[in-house]
């Protein structure tokens, strides 16, 4: 199955160099792949995987290891962001 992985802000540095500018990467994954399995090869520090959305819907931390992706999903991840 194919999904799109989008990494925002500083997480974009974990994408292959040729994909950093657009902050997204098409991924071919086996059917039944969970969120945590999809991002494991990119070495994202768990403390930086703060906001996770699938097709715009929030995925709570407790569900990320069991939430299975399906064909066409867009997996978007943001690090913690502080503002003033």
Protein backbone atom coordinates (compact mmCIF):
# COMPACT_ATOMS: atom_id res chain seq x y z
CA UNK A 1 0.00 0.00 0.00
CA UNK A 2 1.13 3.56 -0.51
CA UNK A 3 0.83 6.40 2.01
CA UNK A 4 2.35 9.87 2.29
CA UNK A 5 4.57 10.75 5.24
CA UNK A 6 4.83 14.46 6.09
CA UNK A 7 7.32 15.65 8.70
CA UNK A 8 7.10 19.28 9.80
CA UNK A 9 9.49 21.81 11.34
CA UNK A 10 12.75 20.27 12.58
CA UNK A 11 11.49 16.74 11.85
CA UNK A 12 11.96 17.41 8.14
CA UNK A 13 15.69 16.84 8.76
CA UNK A 14 14.95 13.13 9.19
CA UNK A 15 13.71 12.78 5.62
CA UNK A 16 16.07 11.88 2.79
CA UNK A 17 17.93 15.00 1.60
CA UNK A 18 16.06 15.18 -1.70
CA UNK A 19 12.68 15.24 0.13
CA UNK A 20 13.38 17.82 2.83
CA UNK A 21 12.31 20.84 0.82
CA UNK A 22 8.75 19.59 0.41
CA UNK A 23 8.67 17.84 3.81
CA UNK A 24 6.88 14.81 2.40
CA UNK A 25 7.73 11.36 1.20
CA UNK A 26 5.60 8.72 -0.51
CA UNK A 27 6.01 5.37 1.27
CA UNK A 28 5.27 1.87 0.06
CA UNK A 29 4.36 -0.19 3.14
CA UNK A 30 3.06 -3.68 3.80
CA UNK A 31 -0.65 -3.95 4.54
CA UNK A 32 -1.25 -3.78 8.29
CA UNK A 33 1.61 -1.37 9.07
CA UNK A 34 1.05 0.66 12.24
CA UNK A 35 2.08 4.30 12.68
CA UNK A 36 5.11 3.48 14.85
CA UNK A 37 6.33 0.86 12.37
CA UNK A 38 6.00 3.29 9.45
CA UNK A 39 8.19 5.93 11.07
CA UNK A 40 10.73 3.62 12.77
CA UNK A 41 13.17 3.55 9.81
CA UNK A 42 13.56 7.34 10.03
CA UNK A 43 14.93 7.36 13.57
CA UNK A 44 12.63 10.04 14.92
CA UNK A 45 13.30 10.60 18.62
CA UNK A 46 10.09 9.62 20.45
CA UNK A 47 10.14 12.87 22.46
CA UNK A 48 9.95 14.81 19.18
CA UNK A 49 6.96 12.87 17.82
CA UNK A 50 4.41 15.12 19.46
CA UNK A 51 1.41 15.72 17.23
CA UNK A 52 0.44 12.85 14.93
CA UNK A 53 -2.41 13.12 12.44
CA UNK A 54 -3.77 10.66 9.92
CA UNK A 55 -5.77 12.43 7.24
CA UNK A 56 -6.15 15.36 9.63
CA UNK A 57 -7.42 13.28 12.59
CA UNK A 58 -5.39 13.25 15.81
CA UNK A 59 -3.85 9.93 16.85
CA UNK A 60 -3.25 9.81 20.63
CA UNK A 61 0.14 8.45 21.80
CA UNK A 62 -1.46 5.32 23.28
CA UNK A 63 -2.91 4.36 19.85
CA UNK A 64 0.16 4.92 17.65
CA UNK A 65 1.55 1.40 18.03
CA UNK A 66 -1.77 -0.19 17.10
CA UNK A 67 -3.32 2.30 14.66
CA UNK A 68 -2.99 0.66 11.24
CA UNK A 69 -2.49 2.76 8.15
CA UNK A 70 -4.46 2.12 4.96
CA UNK A 71 -3.89 2.86 1.28
CA UNK A 72 -3.83 6.58 0.56
CA UNK A 73 -3.42 7.77 4.16
CA UNK A 74 -1.50 10.95 4.86
CA UNK A 75 0.55 10.61 8.05
CA UNK A 76 1.64 14.03 9.34
CA UNK A 77 3.90 14.55 12.35
CA UNK A 78 4.94 17.70 14.21
CA UNK A 79 7.45 18.16 17.01
CA UNK A 80 6.54 20.07 20.18
CA UNK A 81 6.32 23.77 19.41
CA UNK A 82 6.62 26.56 21.96
CA UNK A 83 5.44 30.08 21.41
CA UNK A 84 5.04 33.28 23.24
